[in-house]
């Protein structure tokens, strides 16, 4: 199972606020049940099958364009661990145990 951090940044909107675009992107994630998601102040964390995550990111990337953005920058970081199961909660717990 992959854990992916994604940040979708609309540009050319005429406004510095991006919260409406973020909310609209998260509506995409709420419509499906195959990818787990966590909203953070600087992006979103997705957990699930990597192919399904890419499908959802592609849909999310189009959202700002549909709302009038002239340019969209999407940053993706992937943690695809294959030696053992990983989850958002497990990664956080592992760090907290060491603090």
C-alpha atoms as a PDB file:
ATOM      1  CA  UNK A   1       0.000   0.000   0.000  1.00  0.00           C
ATOM      2  CA  UNK A   2       1.355   3.407  -0.964  1.00  0.00           C
ATOM      3  CA  UNK A   3       1.271   6.608   1.036  1.00  0.00           C
ATOM      4  CA  UNK A   4       1.336   9.708  -1.129  1.00  0.00           C
ATOM      5  CA  UNK A   5       1.554  13.390  -0.275  1.00  0.00           C
ATOM      6  CA  UNK A   6       0.022  15.687  -2.886  1.00  0.00           C
ATOM      7  CA  UNK A   7      -0.215  19.462  -3.104  1.00  0.00           C
ATOM      8  CA  UNK A   8      -2.251  21.019  -5.907  1.00  0.00           C
ATOM      9  CA  UNK A   9      -1.592  24.732  -6.339  1.00  0.00           C
ATOM     10  CA  UNK A  10      -3.721  26.829  -8.693  1.00  0.00           C
ATOM     11  CA  UNK A  11      -2.104  29.877 -10.270  1.00  0.00           C
ATOM     12  CA  UNK A  12      -3.445  32.707 -12.354  1.00  0.00           C
ATOM     13  CA  UNK A  13      -6.649  32.925 -10.334  1.00  0.00           C
ATOM     14  CA  UNK A  14      -6.442  36.612  -9.441  1.00  0.00           C
ATOM     15  CA  UNK A  15      -6.642  35.747  -5.723  1.00  0.00           C
ATOM     16  CA  UNK A  16      -4.098  34.557  -3.166  1.00  0.00           C
ATOM     17  CA  UNK A  17      -6.605  32.309  -1.357  1.00  0.00           C
ATOM     18  CA  UNK A  18      -6.678  28.665  -2.449  1.00  0.00           C
ATOM     19  CA  UNK A  19      -9.054  27.153   0.133  1.00  0.00           C
ATOM     20  CA  UNK A  20     -11.986  26.935  -2.314  1.00  0.00           C
ATOM     21  CA  UNK A  21      -9.822  24.980  -4.752  1.00  0.00           C
ATOM     22  CA  UNK A  22      -8.602  22.696  -1.952  1.00  0.00           C
ATOM     23  CA  UNK A  23     -12.187  22.073  -0.835  1.00  0.00           C
ATOM     24  CA  UNK A  24     -13.245  21.262  -4.393  1.00  0.00           C
ATOM     25  CA  UNK A  25     -10.319  18.840  -4.762  1.00  0.00           C
ATOM     26  CA  UNK A  26     -11.306  17.093  -1.536  1.00  0.00           C
ATOM     27  CA  UNK A  27     -14.840  16.632  -2.850  1.00  0.00           C
ATOM     28  CA  UNK A  28     -13.241  14.331  -5.445  1.00  0.00           C
ATOM     29  CA  UNK A  29     -11.762  12.244  -2.618  1.00  0.00           C
ATOM     30  CA  UNK A  30     -15.055  12.138  -0.713  1.00  0.00           C
ATOM     31  CA  UNK A  31     -16.841  10.719  -3.761  1.00  0.00           C
ATOM     32  CA  UNK A  32     -14.735   7.561  -3.793  1.00  0.00           C
ATOM     33  CA  UNK A  33     -13.978   4.972  -1.112  1.00  0.00           C
ATOM     34  CA  UNK A  34     -10.884   3.183  -2.429  1.00  0.00           C
ATOM     35  CA  UNK A  35      -8.300   5.782  -1.343  1.00  0.00           C
ATOM     36  CA  UNK A  36      -8.003   6.969   2.246  1.00  0.00           C
ATOM     37  CA  UNK A  37      -7.208  10.672   2.631  1.00  0.00           C
ATOM     38  CA  UNK A  38      -6.055  13.107   5.280  1.00  0.00           C
ATOM     39  CA  UNK A  39      -6.166  16.870   4.776  1.00  0.00           C
ATOM     40  CA  UNK A  40      -3.156  18.729   6.197  1.00  0.00           C
ATOM     41  CA  UNK A  41      -2.379  22.466   6.232  1.00  0.00           C
ATOM     42  CA  UNK A  42       0.092  22.120   3.344  1.00  0.00           C
ATOM     43  CA  UNK A  43      -1.356  19.321   1.242  1.00  0.00           C
ATOM     44  CA  UNK A  44      -3.124  15.993   1.455  1.00  0.00           C
ATOM     45  CA  UNK A  45      -1.969  12.510   2.364  1.00  0.00           C
ATOM     46  CA  UNK A  46      -3.467   9.633   0.382  1.00  0.00           C
ATOM     47  CA  UNK A  47      -3.224   5.940   1.255  1.00  0.00           C
ATOM     48  CA  UNK A  48      -4.099   3.029  -0.987  1.00  0.00           C
ATOM     49  CA  UNK A  49      -3.279   1.278  -4.225  1.00  0.00           C
ATOM     50  CA  UNK A  50      -0.830   3.462  -6.177  1.00  0.00           C
ATOM     51  CA  UNK A  51      -2.725   3.148  -9.466  1.00  0.00           C
ATOM     52  CA  UNK A  52      -5.959   4.264  -7.786  1.00  0.00           C
ATOM     53  CA  UNK A  53      -4.168   7.151  -6.072  1.00  0.00           C
ATOM     54  CA  UNK A  54      -2.803   8.341  -9.426  1.00  0.00           C
ATOM     55  CA  UNK A  55      -6.331   8.237 -10.875  1.00  0.00           C
ATOM     56  CA  UNK A  56      -7.639  10.431  -8.054  1.00  0.00           C
ATOM     57  CA  UNK A  57      -4.707  12.858  -8.302  1.00  0.00           C
ATOM     58  CA  UNK A  58      -5.366  13.238 -12.028  1.00  0.00           C
ATOM     59  CA  UNK A  59      -9.001  14.151 -11.317  1.00  0.00           C
ATOM     60  CA  UNK A  60      -7.938  16.575  -8.575  1.00  0.00           C
ATOM     61  CA  UNK A  61      -5.362  18.213 -10.850  1.00  0.00           C
ATOM     62  CA  UNK A  62      -8.162  19.154 -13.279  1.00  0.00           C
ATOM     63  CA  UNK A  63     -10.384  20.768 -10.611  1.00  0.00           C
ATOM     64  CA  UNK A  64      -8.672  24.201 -10.520  1.00  0.00           C
ATOM     65  CA  UNK A  65      -8.756  24.406 -14.327  1.00  0.00           C
ATOM     66  CA  UNK A  66     -12.502  23.749 -14.269  1.00  0.00           C
ATOM     67  CA  UNK A  67     -12.835  26.639 -11.794  1.00  0.00           C
ATOM     68  CA  UNK A  68     -10.933  29.113 -13.951  1.00  0.00           C
ATOM     69  CA  UNK A  69      -7.293  28.698 -12.916  1.00  0.00           C
ATOM     70  CA  UNK A  70      -4.929  29.378 -15.783  1.00  0.00           C
ATOM     71  CA  UNK A  71      -2.110  27.224 -14.406  1.00  0.00           C
ATOM     72  CA  UNK A  72      -1.858  24.361 -11.896  1.00  0.00           C
ATOM     73  CA  UNK A  73       1.259  23.040 -10.182  1.00  0.00           C
ATOM     74  CA  UNK A  74       0.912  19.591  -8.626  1.00  0.00           C
ATOM     75  CA  UNK A  75       3.622  18.147  -6.394  1.00  0.00           C
ATOM     76  CA  UNK A  76       3.599  14.439  -5.514  1.00  0.00           C
ATOM     77  CA  UNK A  77       5.771  12.531  -3.004  1.00  0.00           C
ATOM     78  CA  UNK A  78       5.391   8.761  -2.879  1.00  0.00           C
ATOM     79  CA  UNK A  79       6.283   6.333  -0.091  1.00  0.00           C
ATOM     80  CA  UNK A  80       5.746   2.884  -1.596  1.00  0.00           C
ATOM     81  CA  UNK A  81       7.094   0.419   0.945  1.00  0.00           C
ATOM     82  CA  UNK A  82       7.073  -3.225  -0.110  1.00  0.00           C
ATOM     83  CA  UNK A  83       8.845  -4.993   2.740  1.00  0.00           C
ATOM     84  CA  UNK A  84       5.918  -4.592   5.174  1.00  0.00           C
ATOM     85  CA  UNK A  85       2.473  -3.050   5.407  1.00  0.00           C
ATOM     86  CA  UNK A  86       2.431   0.687   6.025  1.00  0.00           C
ATOM     87  CA  UNK A  87      -0.322   3.111   6.905  1.00  0.00           C
ATOM     88  CA  UNK A  88      -0.678   6.758   7.806  1.00  0.00           C
ATOM     89  CA  UNK A  89      -1.353   5.830  11.428  1.00  0.00           C
ATOM     90  CA  UNK A  90       1.581   3.401  11.597  1.00  0.00           C
ATOM     91  CA  UNK A  91       4.027   6.012  10.305  1.00  0.00           C
ATOM     92  CA  UNK A  92       2.872   8.579  12.870  1.00  0.00           C
ATOM     93  CA  UNK A  93       2.925   6.027  15.701  1.00  0.00           C
ATOM     94  CA  UNK A  94       6.464   4.964  14.801  1.00  0.00           C
ATOM     95  CA  UNK A  95       7.736   8.543  15.161  1.00  0.00           C
ATOM     96  CA  UNK A  96       5.735   9.245  18.324  1.00  0.00           C
ATOM     97  CA  UNK A  97       7.170   6.129  19.992  1.00  0.00           C
ATOM     98  CA  UNK A  98      10.646   7.509  19.462  1.00  0.00           C
ATOM     99  CA  UNK A  99       9.916  10.929  20.928  1.00  0.00           C
END
